[in-house]
Amino acid sequence: MIVRDIMSTNMITVVADDTLSHAANMLRQYQIHHLPVVRHIQVHETEKTEYSMHKTQLLLVGFLTTEDIDLIVALDKQRSSGDLLRRPWYDQRIAEVMHRVPISVTPTTSAAAAAQLLVERGINYLTVVEYEQVAEGQETQTILVGLLTRSDLLMALARALGAFEPGMQLLIPLQHADLIPLAQTLLLAAELRIKVLSVMVAPQDNAPRVATLRLGTINPSPLLVRLHEANIEYTFADPLSEGETHA
């Protein structure tokens, strides 16, 4: 899975000349915590058919967060009477407050690498960019194509585990990382025509590996009987009755 598969492309953006009041309203209206600051550029494209078209791209120039606005509001409240000629915070331009984007990824960055960056850097979002030469002879520009948040990654994980489809989870212990029980379980599921929505094998600290299968059925009894006959250990949890175990 790569970033392109899970990033958000329906982005709320601002331009550097907008006021902080406008930015604050956007953050409040859309209940978000970060705003990419962009410059709209027109790109002239000529295809092989000689059909010409123009499209708008978003040149990434900075970033603004709720924390940035909170800080400028707090500083504005502390200004002395001698600073009355200074513009109030809401009239200041985004260009005066925005900061550089801390880190970006590309659409082809792996989702695992993006998740690692979010955790290691202690951040909640990543800008997704492509580097393009928008006009002949010009320097390569940073084009904003999407945003990736922790929520996007969590939703992707939930979808990969089949959380939004009816079914149940089956857990197969893999002693000494032996994959034979998993292979046998998959063969039995195929024989019984039980759909397997997803398979995930993850190590656990001080414990054998466990394979998690998301089955596309709410009646796993035929498979459980066959697993018992084959002496394959398993546990499972129905979302409506967590905690049931069988062996």
C-alpha atoms as a PDB file:
ATOM      1  CA  MET A   1       0.000   0.000   0.000  1.00  0.00           C
ATOM      2  CA  ILE A   2       1.340   3.424  -0.932  1.00  0.00           C
ATOM      3  CA  VAL A   3       0.403   6.964   0.082  1.00  0.00           C
ATOM      4  CA  ARG A   4      -1.548   7.575  -3.142  1.00  0.00           C
ATOM      5  CA  ASP A   5      -4.039   4.893  -2.082  1.00  0.00           C
ATOM      6  CA  ILE A   6      -5.008   6.563   1.194  1.00  0.00           C
ATOM      7  CA  MET A   7      -4.183  10.285   1.022  1.00  0.00           C
ATOM      8  CA  SER A   8      -6.853  12.996   1.005  1.00  0.00           C
ATOM      9  CA  THR A   9      -7.057  15.036  -2.180  1.00  0.00           C
ATOM     10  CA  ASN A  10     -10.086  17.153  -1.262  1.00  0.00           C
ATOM     11  CA  MET A  11      -7.980  19.765   0.509  1.00  0.00           C
ATOM     12  CA  ILE A  12      -8.838  23.073   2.135  1.00  0.00           C
ATOM     13  CA  THR A  13      -6.084  25.577   1.296  1.00  0.00           C
ATOM     14  CA  VAL A  14      -5.334  29.279   1.674  1.00  0.00           C
ATOM     15  CA  VAL A  15      -3.034  31.729  -0.079  1.00  0.00           C
ATOM     16  CA  ALA A  16      -0.319  33.800   1.523  1.00  0.00           C
ATOM     17  CA  ASP A  17      -2.194  37.094   1.043  1.00  0.00           C
ATOM     18  CA  ASP A  18      -5.286  35.901   2.956  1.00  0.00           C
ATOM     19  CA  THR A  19      -5.841  37.331   6.426  1.00  0.00           C
ATOM     20  CA  LEU A  20      -5.452  35.349   9.617  1.00  0.00           C
ATOM     21  CA  SER A  21      -9.135  36.029  10.265  1.00  0.00           C
ATOM     22  CA  HIS A  22      -9.995  34.168   7.069  1.00  0.00           C
ATOM     23  CA  ALA A  23      -7.693  31.292   8.020  1.00  0.00           C
ATOM     24  CA  ALA A  24      -9.211  31.053  11.501  1.00  0.00           C
ATOM     25  CA  ASN A  25     -12.695  30.927   9.990  1.00  0.00           C
ATOM     26  CA  MET A  26     -11.644  28.150   7.606  1.00  0.00           C
ATOM     27  CA  LEU A  27     -10.146  26.097  10.424  1.00  0.00           C
ATOM     28  CA  ARG A  28     -13.287  26.519  12.502  1.00  0.00           C
ATOM     29  CA  GLN A  29     -15.744  25.941   9.649  1.00  0.00           C
ATOM     30  CA  TYR A  30     -14.145  22.712   8.434  1.00  0.00           C
ATOM     31  CA  GLN A  31     -13.020  21.561  11.911  1.00  0.00           C
ATOM     32  CA  ILE A  32      -9.433  21.001  10.817  1.00  0.00           C
ATOM     33  CA  HIS A  33      -6.143  21.895  12.450  1.00  0.00           C
ATOM     34  CA  HIS A  34      -3.833  22.652   9.531  1.00  0.00           C
ATOM     35  CA  LEU A  35      -3.958  24.644   6.307  1.00  0.00           C
ATOM     36  CA  PRO A  36      -1.525  24.327   3.411  1.00  0.00           C
ATOM     37  CA  VAL A  37      -0.560  27.723   2.015  1.00  0.00           C
ATOM     38  CA  VAL A  38      -0.414  27.565  -1.755  1.00  0.00           C
ATOM     39  CA  ARG A  39      -0.021  29.636  -4.870  1.00  0.00           C
ATOM     40  CA  HIS A  40      -2.250  28.764  -7.816  1.00  0.00           C
ATOM     41  CA  ILE A  41      -0.345  28.383 -11.056  1.00  0.00           C
ATOM     42  CA  GLN A  42      -1.640  27.736 -14.538  1.00  0.00           C
ATOM     43  CA  VAL A  43       0.108  24.932 -16.384  1.00  0.00           C
ATOM     44  CA  HIS A  44      -0.110  24.741 -20.165  1.00  0.00           C
ATOM     45  CA  GLU A  45      -0.206  21.165 -21.391  1.00  0.00           C
ATOM     46  CA  THR A  46       0.114  19.931 -24.946  1.00  0.00           C
ATOM     47  CA  GLU A  47      -0.743  16.330 -25.591  1.00  0.00           C
ATOM     48  CA  LYS A  48       0.337  14.213 -28.536  1.00  0.00           C
ATOM     49  CA  THR A  49      -2.914  15.043 -30.282  1.00  0.00           C
ATOM     50  CA  GLU A  50      -1.861  18.706 -30.204  1.00  0.00           C
ATOM     51  CA  TYR A  51      -4.929  19.383 -28.081  1.00  0.00           C
ATOM     52  CA  SER A  52      -3.933  22.118 -25.653  1.00  0.00           C
ATOM     53  CA  MET A  53      -5.409  22.686 -22.230  1.00  0.00           C
ATOM     54  CA  HIS A  54      -4.704  24.645 -19.090  1.00  0.00           C
ATOM     55  CA  LYS A  55      -4.962  23.251 -15.590  1.00  0.00           C
ATOM     56  CA  THR A  56      -4.371  24.768 -12.188  1.00  0.00           C
ATOM     57  CA  GLN A  57      -1.790  23.293  -9.856  1.00  0.00           C
ATOM     58  CA  LEU A  58      -1.103  24.124  -6.238  1.00  0.00           C
ATOM     59  CA  LEU A  59       2.429  25.324  -5.589  1.00  0.00           C
ATOM     60  CA  LEU A  60       3.166  24.652  -1.922  1.00  0.00           C
ATOM     61  CA  VAL A  61       4.665  27.725  -0.233  1.00  0.00           C
ATOM     62  CA  GLY A  62       4.038  27.153   3.474  1.00  0.00           C
ATOM     63  CA  PHE A  63       1.829  25.827   6.217  1.00  0.00           C
ATOM     64  CA  LEU A  64      -0.408  27.279   8.919  1.00  0.00           C
ATOM     65  CA  THR A  65      -1.823  25.477  11.957  1.00  0.00           C
ATOM     66  CA  THR A  66      -4.231  26.251  14.767  1.00  0.00           C
ATOM     67  CA  GLU A  67      -1.213  26.446  17.092  1.00  0.00           C
ATOM     68  CA  ASP A  68       0.270  29.224  14.939  1.00  0.00           C
ATOM     69  CA  ILE A  69      -2.917  31.267  15.220  1.00  0.00           C
ATOM     70  CA  ASP A  70      -3.285  30.575  18.953  1.00  0.00           C
ATOM     71  CA  LEU A  71       0.250  31.862  19.487  1.00  0.00           C
ATOM     72  CA  ILE A  72      -0.255  35.068  17.501  1.00  0.00           C
ATOM     73  CA  VAL A  73      -3.553  35.708  19.319  1.00  0.00           C
ATOM     74  CA  ALA A  74      -1.832  35.268  22.695  1.00  0.00           C
ATOM     75  CA  LEU A  75       0.974  37.645  21.690  1.00  0.00           C
ATOM     76  CA  ASP A  76      -1.569  40.156  20.414  1.00  0.00           C
ATOM     77  CA  LYS A  77      -3.314  40.194  23.808  1.00  0.00           C
ATOM     78  CA  GLN A  78      -0.007  40.953  25.522  1.00  0.00           C
ATOM     79  CA  ARG A  79       0.921  43.942  23.414  1.00  0.00           C
ATOM     80  CA  SER A  80       1.276  47.242  25.261  1.00  0.00           C
ATOM     81  CA  SER A  81      -0.644  50.432  24.664  1.00  0.00           C
ATOM     82  CA  GLY A  82       2.376  51.739  22.766  1.00  0.00           C
ATOM     83  CA  ASP A  83       1.744  49.129  20.092  1.00  0.00           C
ATOM     84  CA  LEU A  84      -1.677  50.467  19.160  1.00  0.00           C
ATOM     85  CA  LEU A  85      -0.461  51.301  15.659  1.00  0.00           C
ATOM     86  CA  ARG A  86       0.315  47.646  15.086  1.00  0.00           C
ATOM     87  CA  ARG A  87      -2.386  45.801  13.178  1.00  0.00           C
ATOM     88  CA  PRO A  88      -4.554  43.431  15.233  1.00  0.00           C
ATOM     89  CA  TRP A  89      -3.886  39.746  14.690  1.00  0.00           C
ATOM     90  CA  TYR A  90      -6.930  39.149  12.516  1.00  0.00           C
ATOM     91  CA  ASP A  91      -5.803  41.742   9.965  1.00  0.00           C
ATOM     92  CA  GLN A  92      -2.334  40.280   9.571  1.00  0.00           C
ATOM     93  CA  ARG A  93      -1.540  38.278   6.453  1.00  0.00           C
ATOM     94  CA  ILE A  94      -0.865  34.563   6.469  1.00  0.00           C
ATOM     95  CA  ALA A  95       2.520  35.231   4.852  1.00  0.00           C
ATOM     96  CA  GLU A  96       3.623  36.940   8.096  1.00  0.00           C
ATOM     97  CA  VAL A  97       2.891  33.913  10.262  1.00  0.00           C
ATOM     98  CA  MET A  98       3.126  30.786   8.089  1.00  0.00           C
ATOM     99  CA  HIS A  99       6.098  28.485   8.394  1.00  0.00           C
ATOM    100  CA  ARG A 100       7.885  26.054   6.156  1.00  0.00           C
ATOM    101  CA  VAL A 101       6.452  22.577   5.763  1.00  0.00           C
ATOM    102  CA  PRO A 102       8.424  20.351   8.173  1.00  0.00           C
ATOM    103  CA  ILE A 103       8.405  17.214   6.053  1.00  0.00           C
ATOM    104  CA  SER A 104       6.691  15.867   2.957  1.00  0.00           C
ATOM    105  CA  VAL A 105       6.232  12.541   1.226  1.00  0.00           C
ATOM    106  CA  THR A 106       5.416  11.622  -2.365  1.00  0.00           C
ATOM    107  CA  PRO A 107       2.418   9.638  -3.647  1.00  0.00           C
ATOM    108  CA  THR A 108       4.623   6.573  -4.110  1.00  0.00           C
ATOM    109  CA  THR A 109       5.988   6.586  -0.544  1.00  0.00           C
ATOM    110  CA  SER A 110       4.963   3.407   1.238  1.00  0.00           C
ATOM    111  CA  ALA A 111       2.205   3.734   3.837  1.00  0.00           C
ATOM    112  CA  ALA A 112       4.490   2.007   6.362  1.00  0.00           C
ATOM    113  CA  ALA A 113       7.234   4.610   5.845  1.00  0.00           C
ATOM    114  CA  ALA A 114       4.706   7.435   6.176  1.00  0.00           C
ATOM    115  CA  ALA A 115       3.357   5.961   9.420  1.00  0.00           C
ATOM    116  CA  GLN A 116       6.896   5.677  10.774  1.00  0.00           C
ATOM    117  CA  LEU A 117       7.540   9.350   9.994  1.00  0.00           C
ATOM    118  CA  LEU A 118       4.360  10.436  11.783  1.00  0.00           C
ATOM    119  CA  VAL A 119       5.315   8.476  14.891  1.00  0.00           C
ATOM    120  CA  GLU A 120       9.024   9.353  14.979  1.00  0.00           C
ATOM    121  CA  ARG A 121       8.461  13.062  14.317  1.00  0.00           C
ATOM    122  CA  GLY A 122       5.453  13.296  16.626  1.00  0.00           C
ATOM    123  CA  ILE A 123       3.291  14.983  13.968  1.00  0.00           C
ATOM    124  CA  ASN A 124      -0.290  14.446  12.847  1.00  0.00           C
ATOM    125  CA  TYR A 125      -0.052  15.118   9.128  1.00  0.00           C
ATOM    126  CA  LEU A 126       2.207  14.921   6.100  1.00  0.00           C
ATOM    127  CA  THR A 127       1.957  16.947   2.923  1.00  0.00           C
ATOM    128  CA  VAL A 128       2.041  14.839  -0.227  1.00  0.00           C
ATOM    129  CA  VAL A 129       3.935  16.519  -3.034  1.00  0.00           C
ATOM    130  CA  GLU A 130       5.283  15.961  -6.494  1.00  0.00           C
ATOM    131  CA  TYR A 131       8.303  17.742  -7.897  1.00  0.00           C
ATOM    132  CA  GLU A 132       7.644  19.129 -11.334  1.00  0.00           C
ATOM    133  CA  GLN A 133       9.127  21.576 -13.803  1.00  0.00           C
ATOM    134  CA  VAL A 134       5.985  23.560 -14.583  1.00  0.00           C
ATOM    135  CA  ALA A 135       7.583  25.506 -17.427  1.00  0.00           C
ATOM    136  CA  GLU A 136      10.554  24.885 -19.675  1.00  0.00           C
ATOM    137  CA  GLY A 137      13.742  26.345 -18.250  1.00  0.00           C
ATOM    138  CA  GLN A 138      12.303  26.917 -14.783  1.00  0.00           C
ATOM    139  CA  GLU A 139      13.437  25.289 -11.558  1.00  0.00           C
ATOM    140  CA  THR A 140      11.626  22.250 -10.213  1.00  0.00           C
ATOM    141  CA  GLN A 141       8.608  23.276  -8.140  1.00  0.00           C
ATOM    142  CA  THR A 142       6.944  21.568  -5.191  1.00  0.00           C
ATOM    143  CA  ILE A 143       3.357  20.787  -6.200  1.00  0.00           C
ATOM    144  CA  LEU A 144       0.844  19.882  -3.484  1.00  0.00           C
ATOM    145  CA  VAL A 145      -1.236  16.854  -4.491  1.00  0.00           C
ATOM    146  CA  GLY A 146      -2.636  15.650  -1.170  1.00  0.00           C
ATOM    147  CA  LEU A 147      -2.504  15.401   2.597  1.00  0.00           C
ATOM    148  CA  LEU A 148      -1.973  12.336   4.752  1.00  0.00           C
ATOM    149  CA  THR A 149      -3.090  12.315   8.396  1.00  0.00           C
ATOM    150  CA  ARG A 150      -2.999   9.784  11.192  1.00  0.00           C
ATOM    151  CA  SER A 151      -6.759   9.377  10.705  1.00  0.00           C
ATOM    152  CA  ASP A 152      -6.213   8.463   7.042  1.00  0.00           C
ATOM    153  CA  LEU A 153      -3.788   5.726   8.076  1.00  0.00           C
ATOM    154  CA  LEU A 154      -6.100   4.367  10.767  1.00  0.00           C
ATOM    155  CA  MET A 155      -9.010   4.242   8.329  1.00  0.00           C
ATOM    156  CA  ALA A 156      -6.800   2.463   5.792  1.00  0.00           C
ATOM    157  CA  LEU A 157      -5.827  -0.109   8.426  1.00  0.00           C
ATOM    158  CA  ALA A 158      -9.482  -0.623   9.356  1.00  0.00           C
ATOM    159  CA  ARG A 159     -10.433  -1.137   5.697  1.00  0.00           C
ATOM    160  CA  ALA A 160      -7.531  -3.556   5.206  1.00  0.00           C
ATOM    161  CA  LEU A 161      -8.822  -5.592   8.141  1.00  0.00           C
ATOM    162  CA  GLY A 162     -12.305  -5.641   6.640  1.00  0.00           C
ATOM    163  CA  ALA A 163     -13.808  -3.638   9.498  1.00  0.00           C
ATOM    164  CA  PHE A 164     -16.490  -2.111   7.278  1.00  0.00           C
ATOM    165  CA  GLU A 165     -17.717  -5.412   5.867  1.00  0.00           C
ATOM    166  CA  PRO A 166     -19.855  -7.991   7.657  1.00  0.00           C
ATOM    167  CA  GLY A 167     -17.827 -10.859   9.037  1.00  0.00           C
ATOM    168  CA  MET A 168     -15.607 -11.871  11.916  1.00  0.00           C
ATOM    169  CA  GLN A 169     -11.953 -12.197  12.858  1.00  0.00           C
ATOM    170  CA  LEU A 170     -10.186 -15.493  13.274  1.00  0.00           C
ATOM    171  CA  LEU A 171      -6.789 -15.630  14.996  1.00  0.00           C
ATOM    172  CA  ILE A 172      -4.414 -18.492  14.234  1.00  0.00           C
ATOM    173  CA  PRO A 173      -1.334 -18.824  16.517  1.00  0.00           C
ATOM    174  CA  LEU A 174       1.829 -19.566  14.578  1.00  0.00           C
ATOM    175  CA  GLN A 175       4.201 -21.321  16.931  1.00  0.00           C
ATOM    176  CA  HIS A 176       7.837 -20.626  16.034  1.00  0.00           C
ATOM    177  CA  ALA A 177       6.616 -18.584  13.032  1.00  0.00           C
ATOM    178  CA  ASP A 178       5.366 -21.796  11.388  1.00  0.00           C
ATOM    179  CA  LEU A 179       3.019 -20.777   8.551  1.00  0.00           C
ATOM    180  CA  ILE A 180       1.596 -24.265   7.987  1.00  0.00           C
ATOM    181  CA  PRO A 181      -1.481 -23.704  10.243  1.00  0.00           C
ATOM    182  CA  LEU A 182      -2.251 -20.530   8.307  1.00  0.00           C
ATOM    183  CA  ALA A 183      -1.906 -22.285   4.958  1.00  0.00           C
ATOM    184  CA  GLN A 184      -4.142 -25.123   6.121  1.00  0.00           C
ATOM    185  CA  THR A 185      -6.757 -22.660   7.368  1.00  0.00           C
ATOM    186  CA  LEU A 186      -6.809 -20.854   4.031  1.00  0.00           C
ATOM    187  CA  LEU A 187      -7.178 -24.156   2.168  1.00  0.00           C
ATOM    188  CA  LEU A 188     -10.083 -25.170   4.399  1.00  0.00           C
ATOM    189  CA  ALA A 189     -11.756 -21.777   3.926  1.00  0.00           C
ATOM    190  CA  ALA A 190     -11.410 -22.119   0.142  1.00  0.00           C
ATOM    191  CA  GLU A 191     -12.814 -25.652   0.261  1.00  0.00           C
ATOM    192  CA  LEU A 192     -15.836 -24.416   2.248  1.00  0.00           C
ATOM    193  CA  ARG A 193     -16.140 -21.370  -0.018  1.00  0.00           C
ATOM    194  CA  ILE A 194     -15.760 -18.984   2.892  1.00  0.00           C
ATOM    195  CA  LYS A 195     -14.466 -15.641   1.697  1.00  0.00           C
ATOM    196  CA  VAL A 196     -11.257 -14.386   3.351  1.00  0.00           C
ATOM    197  CA  LEU A 197     -11.351 -10.580   3.273  1.00  0.00           C
ATOM    198  CA  SER A 198      -7.856 -10.000   4.624  1.00  0.00           C
ATOM    199  CA  VAL A 199      -4.867 -11.759   6.165  1.00  0.00           C
ATOM    200  CA  MET A 200      -2.375 -10.096   8.495  1.00  0.00           C
ATOM    201  CA  VAL A 201       0.571 -11.656  10.281  1.00  0.00           C
ATOM    202  CA  ALA A 202       2.264  -9.521  12.919  1.00  0.00           C
ATOM    203  CA  PRO A 203       4.880 -10.378  15.573  1.00  0.00           C
ATOM    204  CA  GLN A 204       4.004  -9.931  19.232  1.00  0.00           C
ATOM    205  CA  ASP A 205       6.495  -9.282  22.022  1.00  0.00           C
ATOM    206  CA  ASN A 206       7.460 -12.441  23.895  1.00  0.00           C
ATOM    207  CA  ALA A 207       4.768 -14.422  22.082  1.00  0.00           C
ATOM    208  CA  PRO A 208       4.374 -16.480  18.918  1.00  0.00           C
ATOM    209  CA  ARG A 209       3.311 -14.766  15.761  1.00  0.00           C
ATOM    210  CA  VAL A 210      -0.413 -14.625  15.205  1.00  0.00           C
ATOM    211  CA  ALA A 211      -2.232 -14.604  11.873  1.00  0.00           C
ATOM    212  CA  THR A 212      -5.410 -12.522  11.816  1.00  0.00           C
ATOM    213  CA  LEU A 213      -7.955 -13.523   9.191  1.00  0.00           C
ATOM    214  CA  ARG A 214     -11.028 -11.457   8.435  1.00  0.00           C
ATOM    215  CA  LEU A 215     -13.712 -13.853   7.239  1.00  0.00           C
ATOM    216  CA  GLY A 216     -16.603 -12.671   5.133  1.00  0.00           C
ATOM    217  CA  THR A 217     -19.171 -14.704   7.047  1.00  0.00           C
ATOM    218  CA  ILE A 218     -21.134 -14.430  10.278  1.00  0.00           C
ATOM    219  CA  ASN A 219     -21.484 -18.213  10.475  1.00  0.00           C
ATOM    220  CA  PRO A 220     -17.957 -19.655  10.810  1.00  0.00           C
ATOM    221  CA  SER A 221     -19.141 -22.913  12.410  1.00  0.00           C
ATOM    222  CA  PRO A 222     -18.299 -25.194   9.427  1.00  0.00           C
ATOM    223  CA  LEU A 223     -14.741 -23.837   9.328  1.00  0.00           C
ATOM    224  CA  LEU A 224     -14.327 -24.070  13.103  1.00  0.00           C
ATOM    225  CA  VAL A 225     -15.370 -27.725  13.028  1.00  0.00           C
ATOM    226  CA  ARG A 226     -12.777 -28.470  10.333  1.00  0.00           C
ATOM    227  CA  LEU A 227     -10.089 -26.591  12.253  1.00  0.00           C
ATOM    228  CA  HIS A 228     -10.870 -28.623  15.356  1.00  0.00           C
ATOM    229  CA  GLU A 229     -10.651 -31.842  13.357  1.00  0.00           C
ATOM    230  CA  ALA A 230      -7.263 -30.760  11.951  1.00  0.00           C
ATOM    231  CA  ASN A 231      -5.969 -29.858  15.440  1.00  0.00           C
ATOM    232  CA  ILE A 232      -5.429 -26.251  14.405  1.00  0.00           C
ATOM    233  CA  GLU A 233      -5.620 -23.881  17.354  1.00  0.00           C
ATOM    234  CA  TYR A 234      -7.617 -20.694  16.938  1.00  0.00           C
ATOM    235  CA  THR A 235      -9.374 -17.918  18.753  1.00  0.00           C
ATOM    236  CA  PHE A 236     -11.994 -15.588  17.447  1.00  0.00           C
ATOM    237  CA  ALA A 237     -13.924 -12.534  18.531  1.00  0.00           C
ATOM    238  CA  ASP A 238     -17.331 -11.522  17.292  1.00  0.00           C
ATOM    239  CA  PRO A 239     -17.675  -7.684  17.355  1.00  0.00           C
ATOM    240  CA  LEU A 240     -21.005  -8.171  19.138  1.00  0.00           C
ATOM    241  CA  SER A 241     -19.565 -10.470  21.797  1.00  0.00           C
ATOM    242  CA  GLU A 242     -15.888  -9.766  22.344  1.00  0.00           C
ATOM    243  CA  GLY A 243     -13.798 -12.189  24.326  1.00  0.00           C
ATOM    244  CA  GLU A 244     -15.067 -15.597  23.134  1.00  0.00           C
ATOM    245  CA  THR A 245     -12.206 -18.051  22.666  1.00  0.00           C
ATOM    246  CA  HIS A 246     -12.022 -21.582  21.345  1.00  0.00           C
ATOM    247  CA  ALA A 247      -9.291 -24.161  20.970  1.00  0.00           C
END
